[in-house]
Amino acid sequence: MLVENRDPWEEYQVAHIPGALFFNIDGIVDQKTDVRNLSGYFDVSLVELPHMLPSEEAFAAAVSALDIKNQDKVIVYDGKGFFSAPRVWWMFRVFGHNKVWVLDGGLPQWRASGFDLGSANPDDAVLKSKTANKAVERVYNGELTNTIAFKTEFQPHLYWTLEKVVHNVAAKNYQQVDARSKGRFDGVAPEPREGVRSGHIPGSKCVPFPEMFDGAPRLLSAEELRQKFQQAGISLDHPIVVSCGSGVTACILALGLYRIGKHDVPVYDGSWTEWEAQSDSDYPIATTAAA
């Protein structure tokens, strides 16, 4: 998590729920799109897409290395309460594993409840995490992987590409909802990534992701979540697609919408970082509040 200057692996070693595995969302990614420029319009060094969804084979290889099986129930959490865990929840669902949940409040709530914490560096967890990262690298290097046991079934309705968003800007079949702060959305506050301008995809609405939970942090009730979206001018009777800066916090909105019964909300994976990097003539940037 370079933008936040955090080291999740170090945080995991300091304190984690006993028996928990470490899922590296910075490593279990599409390594072909870690740095790219789709249009050739900007300096490629400025275009970083660090969290793009890995291929089915890469995800399956990583999850197999973590010794997670198709019959397993998976509970994900993170150190902030609600940040990266919903992204992992979404990744499992995209690849057809629906037996996955997010721990409400994450590690902060676990601490507050007085439950035990692990602070040792278990050899088994270290080995599995390193093996998972290496498995992803091997897949993208074209090396054969004979230890893939986890079976995936890609769910395309949960995953949106740049091309789908372009089509939707014109067709307006889906309501585009952005999880970034209002300042970044309106173009008056800077983006955390160097070289990325602020603003939003034309026609988008803004629901900052912290509005999904309270100060504990705990996910709001279904009725409170409905009110948050409705107050932003979003109809819960019509299709919704969510985005953010790089595809992570958008998954928090997807989780909130899941709680109120919208189980088919797609995430625009490249999100604002990908859209902003394109040619303005073909991919316009709006800098005022969406209508």
Protein backbone atom coordinates (compact mmCIF):
# COMPACT_ATOMS: atom_id res chain seq x y z
CA MET A 1 0.00 0.00 0.00
CA LEU A 2 2.50 2.58 -1.22
CA VAL A 3 0.12 5.56 -1.33
CA GLU A 4 -0.59 5.25 2.41
CA ASN A 5 3.05 4.54 3.28
CA ARG A 6 1.97 1.43 5.15
CA ASP A 7 3.60 -1.98 5.30
CA PRO A 8 0.76 -4.51 5.71
CA TRP A 9 3.20 -7.42 6.04
CA GLU A 10 4.94 -5.71 8.94
CA GLU A 11 1.56 -4.87 10.50
CA TYR A 12 0.53 -8.52 10.20
CA GLN A 13 3.70 -9.63 11.98
CA VAL A 14 3.12 -7.17 14.83
CA ALA A 15 -0.47 -8.24 15.48
CA HIS A 16 -2.95 -10.53 13.76
CA ILE A 17 -5.84 -12.83 14.58
CA PRO A 18 -4.35 -16.19 15.62
CA GLY A 19 -4.22 -18.60 12.70
CA ALA A 20 -4.84 -15.90 10.09
CA LEU A 21 -3.06 -16.08 6.74
CA PHE A 22 -1.57 -13.04 5.00
CA PHE A 23 -3.15 -12.24 1.62
CA ASN A 24 -0.96 -9.74 -0.21
CA ILE A 25 -3.19 -7.52 -2.38
CA ASP A 26 -0.07 -5.76 -3.67
CA GLY A 27 1.38 -9.05 -4.92
CA ILE A 28 -1.64 -11.10 -5.99
CA VAL A 29 -2.35 -8.82 -8.95
CA ASP A 30 -2.17 -8.68 -12.73
CA GLN A 31 1.56 -8.14 -13.18
CA LYS A 32 1.13 -7.23 -16.84
CA THR A 33 -0.75 -4.06 -15.90
CA ASP A 34 1.34 -2.95 -12.95
CA VAL A 35 2.62 -0.07 -15.11
CA ARG A 36 1.07 0.72 -18.45
CA ASN A 37 -0.38 3.44 -20.68
CA LEU A 38 -3.27 2.38 -22.86
CA SER A 39 -3.39 5.49 -25.04
CA GLY A 40 0.25 6.55 -25.31
CA TYR A 41 -0.89 10.05 -24.36
CA PHE A 42 1.10 10.46 -21.16
CA ASP A 43 4.53 9.43 -19.96
CA VAL A 44 4.21 5.74 -19.15
CA SER A 45 6.15 6.27 -15.92
CA LEU A 46 3.19 8.22 -14.55
CA VAL A 47 0.60 5.50 -15.18
CA GLU A 48 0.55 2.93 -12.40
CA LEU A 49 -2.27 0.42 -12.03
CA PRO A 50 -1.04 -1.47 -8.98
CA HIS A 51 -4.11 -3.49 -7.97
CA MET A 52 -5.56 -4.86 -11.20
CA LEU A 53 -7.29 -8.22 -10.95
CA PRO A 54 -4.93 -11.14 -11.64
CA SER A 55 -5.70 -13.81 -14.20
CA GLU A 56 -7.76 -16.79 -13.12
CA GLU A 57 -4.67 -18.99 -13.21
CA ALA A 58 -2.62 -16.55 -11.12
CA PHE A 59 -5.37 -16.17 -8.51
CA ALA A 60 -5.89 -19.93 -8.34
CA ALA A 61 -2.15 -20.50 -7.99
CA ALA A 62 -1.86 -17.96 -5.16
CA VAL A 63 -4.89 -19.25 -3.27
CA SER A 64 -3.68 -22.83 -3.69
CA ALA A 65 -0.31 -21.80 -2.24
CA LEU A 66 -2.16 -20.35 0.75
CA ASP A 67 -3.76 -23.81 1.12
CA ILE A 68 -7.29 -22.44 0.70
CA LYS A 69 -9.65 -25.00 -0.82
CA ASN A 70 -12.91 -24.62 -2.73
CA GLN A 71 -14.90 -26.10 0.13
CA ASP A 72 -13.41 -23.68 2.67
CA LYS A 73 -15.28 -20.77 4.22
CA VAL A 74 -13.11 -17.66 4.00
CA ILE A 75 -13.29 -14.69 6.40
CA VAL A 76 -11.22 -11.64 5.47
CA TYR A 77 -10.22 -8.68 7.61
CA ASP A 78 -7.68 -5.85 7.57
CA GLY A 79 -5.84 -3.66 10.04
CA LYS A 80 -7.95 -0.54 9.52
CA GLY A 81 -11.38 -2.11 9.89
CA PHE A 82 -12.67 -1.43 6.40
CA PHE A 83 -10.11 -0.84 3.69
CA SER A 84 -8.51 -3.70 1.76
CA ALA A 85 -10.56 -6.63 3.13
CA PRO A 86 -13.59 -5.88 0.91
CA ARG A 87 -11.26 -5.99 -2.11
CA VAL A 88 -10.22 -9.54 -1.22
CA TRP A 89 -13.89 -10.42 -0.60
CA TRP A 90 -14.70 -9.14 -4.10
CA MET A 91 -11.77 -11.00 -5.68
CA PHE A 92 -12.96 -14.33 -4.30
CA ARG A 93 -16.49 -13.63 -5.55
CA VAL A 94 -15.26 -12.60 -9.01
CA PHE A 95 -13.57 -15.98 -9.28
CA GLY A 96 -16.67 -17.88 -8.20
CA HIS A 97 -16.02 -18.49 -4.50
CA ASN A 98 -19.12 -17.25 -2.66
CA LYS A 99 -18.27 -18.74 0.73
CA VAL A 100 -16.49 -15.54 1.74
CA TRP A 101 -17.28 -12.88 4.35
CA VAL A 102 -15.74 -9.68 5.71
CA LEU A 103 -15.16 -9.48 9.47
CA ASP A 104 -17.19 -6.47 10.60
CA GLY A 105 -14.79 -3.90 12.03
CA GLY A 106 -11.70 -5.95 11.24
CA LEU A 107 -8.73 -6.01 13.59
CA PRO A 108 -9.77 -2.82 15.48
CA GLN A 109 -13.03 -4.47 16.57
CA TRP A 110 -11.23 -7.71 17.37
CA ARG A 111 -8.90 -5.75 19.65
CA ALA A 112 -11.75 -3.78 21.21
CA SER A 113 -13.57 -7.02 22.00
CA GLY A 114 -10.58 -8.22 24.03
CA PHE A 115 -9.81 -11.27 21.91
CA ASP A 116 -6.33 -12.76 21.73
CA LEU A 117 -3.80 -11.51 19.18
CA GLY A 118 -0.94 -13.32 17.54
CA SER A 119 2.34 -11.42 17.41
CA ALA A 120 4.77 -14.19 16.55
CA ASN A 121 5.97 -14.74 13.01
CA PRO A 122 4.62 -18.24 12.29
CA ASP A 123 6.86 -20.11 9.88
CA ASP A 124 3.90 -21.70 8.12
CA ALA A 125 2.21 -18.35 7.40
CA VAL A 126 5.46 -16.82 6.17
CA LEU A 127 6.12 -19.73 3.84
CA LYS A 128 2.57 -19.71 2.45
CA SER A 129 2.61 -15.96 1.79
CA LYS A 130 5.97 -16.07 0.02
CA THR A 131 4.89 -19.11 -1.97
CA ALA A 132 1.67 -17.35 -3.03
CA ASN A 133 3.58 -14.33 -4.31
CA LYS A 134 6.05 -16.57 -6.12
CA ALA A 135 3.21 -18.57 -7.68
CA VAL A 136 1.78 -15.41 -9.24
CA GLU A 137 5.19 -14.49 -10.64
CA ARG A 138 5.60 -17.98 -12.12
CA VAL A 139 2.24 -17.79 -13.88
CA TYR A 140 3.09 -14.44 -15.46
CA ASN A 141 6.55 -15.68 -16.41
CA GLY A 142 4.94 -18.52 -18.34
CA GLU A 143 6.30 -21.21 -16.04
CA LEU A 144 4.26 -24.33 -15.46
CA THR A 145 2.59 -24.60 -12.08
CA ASN A 146 1.66 -28.14 -11.09
CA THR A 147 0.25 -27.35 -7.66
CA ILE A 148 -2.92 -25.43 -8.59
CA ALA A 149 -5.73 -27.15 -6.68
CA PHE A 150 -8.18 -24.24 -6.29
CA LYS A 151 -10.77 -24.13 -9.07
CA THR A 152 -12.08 -20.78 -10.31
CA GLU A 153 -15.20 -19.81 -12.23
CA PHE A 154 -14.94 -16.23 -13.49
CA GLN A 155 -18.02 -14.04 -12.91
CA PRO A 156 -17.84 -11.36 -15.64
CA HIS A 157 -20.90 -9.49 -14.37
CA LEU A 158 -18.92 -8.39 -11.29
CA TYR A 159 -15.94 -7.01 -13.23
CA TRP A 160 -15.85 -3.93 -15.48
CA THR A 161 -13.14 -2.81 -17.88
CA LEU A 162 -12.36 0.61 -19.31
CA GLU A 163 -14.29 -0.28 -22.45
CA LYS A 164 -17.45 -1.07 -20.49
CA VAL A 165 -17.26 2.27 -18.69
CA VAL A 166 -16.80 4.14 -21.98
CA HIS A 167 -19.92 2.45 -23.34
CA ASN A 168 -21.87 3.24 -20.17
CA VAL A 169 -20.95 6.94 -20.22
CA ALA A 170 -22.87 7.14 -23.49
CA ALA A 171 -25.59 4.57 -22.82
CA LYS A 172 -26.18 5.45 -19.14
CA ASN A 173 -27.52 1.98 -18.37
CA TYR A 174 -25.68 1.86 -15.02
CA GLN A 175 -25.32 4.54 -12.36
CA GLN A 176 -21.59 5.14 -11.85
CA VAL A 177 -20.76 5.65 -8.15
CA ASP A 178 -17.32 6.87 -7.04
CA ALA A 179 -15.91 5.99 -3.58
CA ARG A 180 -13.27 8.74 -3.44
CA SER A 181 -13.54 11.88 -1.31
CA LYS A 182 -15.76 14.71 -2.54
CA GLY A 183 -12.73 16.97 -2.99
CA ARG A 184 -10.96 14.51 -5.28
CA PHE A 185 -14.21 13.80 -7.11
CA ASP A 186 -14.88 17.50 -7.72
CA GLY A 187 -11.30 18.16 -8.81
CA VAL A 188 -10.45 20.55 -5.96
CA ALA A 189 -8.29 18.17 -3.86
CA PRO A 190 -5.17 16.38 -5.14
CA GLU A 191 -4.97 12.69 -5.88
CA PRO A 192 -2.57 10.71 -3.66
CA ARG A 193 -0.74 9.30 -6.68
CA GLU A 194 1.86 11.58 -8.22
CA GLY A 195 0.99 12.73 -11.72
CA VAL A 196 -2.70 11.80 -11.49
CA ARG A 197 -5.19 14.65 -11.84
CA SER A 198 -8.38 14.78 -9.79
CA GLY A 199 -11.90 14.93 -11.16
CA HIS A 200 -14.39 12.23 -12.13
CA ILE A 201 -15.89 10.19 -14.94
CA PRO A 202 -18.74 12.17 -16.54
CA GLY A 203 -22.13 11.32 -15.08
CA SER A 204 -20.75 9.83 -11.86
CA LYS A 205 -22.16 10.27 -8.37
CA CYS A 206 -20.00 10.48 -5.25
CA VAL A 207 -20.43 8.37 -2.10
CA PRO A 208 -17.13 8.49 -0.16
CA PHE A 209 -16.34 5.03 1.20
CA PRO A 210 -16.12 6.11 4.90
CA GLU A 211 -19.87 6.73 4.75
CA MET A 212 -20.38 2.98 4.73
CA PHE A 213 -19.32 2.53 8.37
CA ASP A 214 -19.44 4.23 11.76
CA GLY A 215 -16.57 5.35 13.99
CA ALA A 216 -16.11 1.93 15.63
CA PRO A 217 -15.71 1.02 12.68
CA ARG A 218 -18.76 -1.17 12.00
CA LEU A 219 -20.72 -1.45 8.78
CA LEU A 220 -23.91 0.60 8.94
CA SER A 221 -27.31 -1.06 9.05
CA ALA A 222 -29.10 -1.81 5.80
CA GLU A 223 -31.52 1.08 6.33
CA GLU A 224 -28.71 3.55 7.08
CA LEU A 225 -26.85 2.40 3.98
CA ARG A 226 -29.94 2.85 1.82
CA GLN A 227 -30.24 6.42 3.07
CA LYS A 228 -26.60 7.17 2.23
CA PHE A 229 -27.05 6.14 -1.39
CA GLN A 230 -30.45 7.74 -1.79
CA GLN A 231 -29.18 11.03 -0.36
CA ALA A 232 -26.51 11.01 -3.08
CA GLY A 233 -29.22 10.79 -5.73
CA ILE A 234 -28.75 7.10 -6.47
CA SER A 235 -31.72 4.90 -7.28
CA LEU A 236 -31.44 1.48 -5.68
CA ASP A 237 -33.95 0.17 -8.21
CA HIS A 238 -31.51 0.64 -11.10
CA PRO A 239 -28.12 -0.98 -11.88
CA ILE A 240 -24.99 0.43 -10.22
CA VAL A 241 -21.28 0.15 -11.00
CA VAL A 242 -18.68 1.35 -8.48
CA SER A 243 -15.17 2.78 -8.83
CA CYS A 244 -12.56 4.63 -6.77
CA GLY A 245 -8.87 5.50 -7.21
CA SER A 246 -7.41 2.07 -8.01
CA GLY A 247 -10.21 -0.44 -7.43
CA VAL A 248 -9.76 -1.08 -3.69
CA THR A 249 -12.16 1.17 -1.77
CA ALA A 250 -14.81 0.77 -4.49
CA CYS A 251 -15.22 -2.72 -3.06
CA ILE A 252 -16.35 -1.15 0.24
CA LEU A 253 -19.28 0.40 -1.64
CA ALA A 254 -19.94 -2.98 -3.26
CA LEU A 255 -20.01 -4.53 0.22
CA GLY A 256 -22.43 -1.90 1.50
CA LEU A 257 -24.69 -2.44 -1.50
CA TYR A 258 -24.46 -6.20 -0.97
CA ARG A 259 -25.79 -5.71 2.55
CA ILE A 260 -28.92 -4.02 1.21
CA GLY A 261 -29.58 -6.76 -1.29
CA LYS A 262 -27.73 -5.63 -4.42
CA HIS A 263 -25.53 -8.68 -4.96
CA ASP A 264 -24.58 -8.06 -8.58
CA VAL A 265 -22.74 -4.72 -8.38
CA PRO A 266 -19.64 -4.69 -10.63
CA VAL A 267 -16.39 -2.92 -9.79
CA TYR A 268 -14.53 -0.89 -12.43
CA ASP A 269 -11.14 -2.45 -11.80
CA GLY A 270 -8.86 0.23 -13.27
CA SER A 271 -10.98 2.97 -11.71
CA TRP A 272 -9.94 6.63 -11.78
CA THR A 273 -6.21 5.98 -12.21
CA GLU A 274 -6.85 4.18 -15.49
CA TRP A 275 -9.50 6.61 -16.78
CA GLU A 276 -7.44 9.72 -16.02
CA ALA A 277 -4.42 8.35 -17.91
CA GLN A 278 -6.25 8.29 -21.24
CA SER A 279 -6.57 11.00 -23.88
CA ASP A 280 -8.92 13.77 -22.71
CA SER A 281 -10.58 13.93 -26.12
CA ASP A 282 -11.80 10.35 -25.84
CA TYR A 283 -12.02 10.02 -22.05
CA PRO A 284 -13.20 13.39 -20.71
CA ILE A 285 -12.61 14.49 -17.13
CA ALA A 286 -15.41 16.24 -15.25
CA THR A 287 -14.41 18.61 -12.45
CA THR A 288 -17.78 19.82 -11.19
CA ALA A 289 -20.45 17.97 -9.21
CA ALA A 290 -22.21 15.36 -11.29
CA ALA A 291 -25.74 16.14 -12.36
